Protein backbone atom coordinates (compact mmCIF):
# COMPACT_ATOMS: atom_id res chain seq x y z
CA MET A 1 -13.17 -5.51 18.72
CA ASN A 2 -14.59 -5.28 15.34
CA GLU A 3 -13.06 -7.95 12.83
CA ASP A 4 -12.29 -5.19 10.38
CA PHE A 5 -9.26 -3.85 12.88
CA ILE A 6 -6.14 -5.41 13.50
CA THR A 7 -3.58 -4.61 16.19
CA PHE A 8 0.21 -2.94 15.30
CA ASP A 9 1.75 -6.62 15.85
CA ALA A 10 -1.09 -8.26 13.50
CA ALA A 11 -0.63 -5.56 11.05
CA CYS A 12 2.89 -6.27 10.91
CA GLU A 13 2.74 -9.67 10.75
CA TYR A 14 0.39 -9.42 7.93
CA LEU A 15 2.19 -6.87 5.90
CA GLY A 16 5.52 -8.99 6.74
CA ILE A 17 7.47 -6.20 8.32
CA THR A 18 9.15 -5.42 11.30
CA SER A 19 8.02 -3.08 14.07
CA GLY A 20 10.21 -0.51 13.36
CA GLN A 21 9.19 -0.33 9.56
CA MET A 22 5.56 -0.05 10.79
CA TYR A 23 6.44 2.70 13.09
CA GLN A 24 8.38 4.50 10.23
CA TYR A 25 5.40 3.86 8.13
CA THR A 26 3.04 5.41 10.74
CA HIS A 27 5.17 8.42 11.71
CA ARG A 28 5.51 9.38 8.04
CA LYS A 29 1.77 8.61 7.44
CA ILE A 30 2.12 6.11 4.60
CA LEU A 31 -0.17 3.98 6.23
CA PRO A 32 -3.42 5.04 7.67
CA PHE A 33 -4.26 3.74 11.28
CA TYR A 34 -6.31 4.49 14.18
CA LYS A 35 -5.54 5.54 17.81
CA PRO A 36 -8.70 5.60 19.48
CA PHE A 37 -7.34 5.75 23.03
CA GLY A 38 -4.00 7.84 22.52
CA LYS A 39 -1.91 4.92 22.73
CA LYS A 40 -2.19 1.58 20.86
CA LEU A 41 -2.62 1.77 17.11
CA TYR A 42 -4.96 -0.23 15.13
CA PHE A 43 -5.31 -0.91 11.21
CA LYS A 44 -8.06 -1.95 8.92
CA LYS A 45 -7.09 -4.75 6.60
CA SER A 46 -8.95 -3.29 3.70
CA GLU A 47 -7.02 -0.11 4.11
CA LEU A 48 -3.63 -1.94 4.28
CA ASN A 49 -4.87 -3.88 1.07
CA ALA A 50 -5.54 -0.53 -0.66
CA VAL A 51 -2.19 0.88 0.38
CA ILE A 52 -0.45 -2.47 -1.38
CA GLY A 53 -2.60 -2.39 -4.20
CA SER A 54 -1.88 1.16 -4.97
CA VAL A 55 1.78 0.64 -5.62
CA ARG A 56 1.67 -2.00 -8.42
CA VAL A 57 4.93 -2.34 -10.53
CA ALA A 58 4.31 -2.73 -14.03
CA THR A 59 5.63 -6.00 -15.84
CA ASN A 60 8.33 -5.77 -18.57
CA ALA A 61 5.71 -6.62 -21.39
CA GLU A 62 3.50 -3.65 -20.14
CA VAL A 63 6.28 -1.29 -19.88
CA ALA A 64 7.38 -2.27 -23.40
CA GLU A 65 3.87 -1.67 -24.71
CA GLN A 66 3.53 1.39 -23.08
CA ALA A 67 6.66 2.66 -24.80
CA HIS A 68 5.43 1.28 -28.22
CA GLN A 69 2.40 3.26 -27.63
CA MET A 70 4.33 6.26 -26.78
CA THR A 71 6.84 6.17 -29.78
CA ARG A 72 3.93 5.12 -32.51
CA LYS A 73 3.46 7.67 -35.11
CA PRO A 74 -0.08 9.08 -34.92
CA ALA A 75 -2.24 7.93 -38.39
CA ALA A 76 -2.25 10.24 -41.03
CA VAL A 77 -5.69 11.85 -41.49
């Protein structure tokens, strides 16, 4: 098997979630997966990393800066 693909159990361990949670994520199509033989699920680590990286939570300092930028009056022309 290609090194890029990992099994269902390995993906659960990699993400630190239970198999029940993983089944929910795959059923809802939150996580991309492969099912080449109609039964076992496989995952690509790079795609799991992309999903993890897409849900970044901003720090308090970043939120404060965004609020400051939004409430700042535009410069007079």
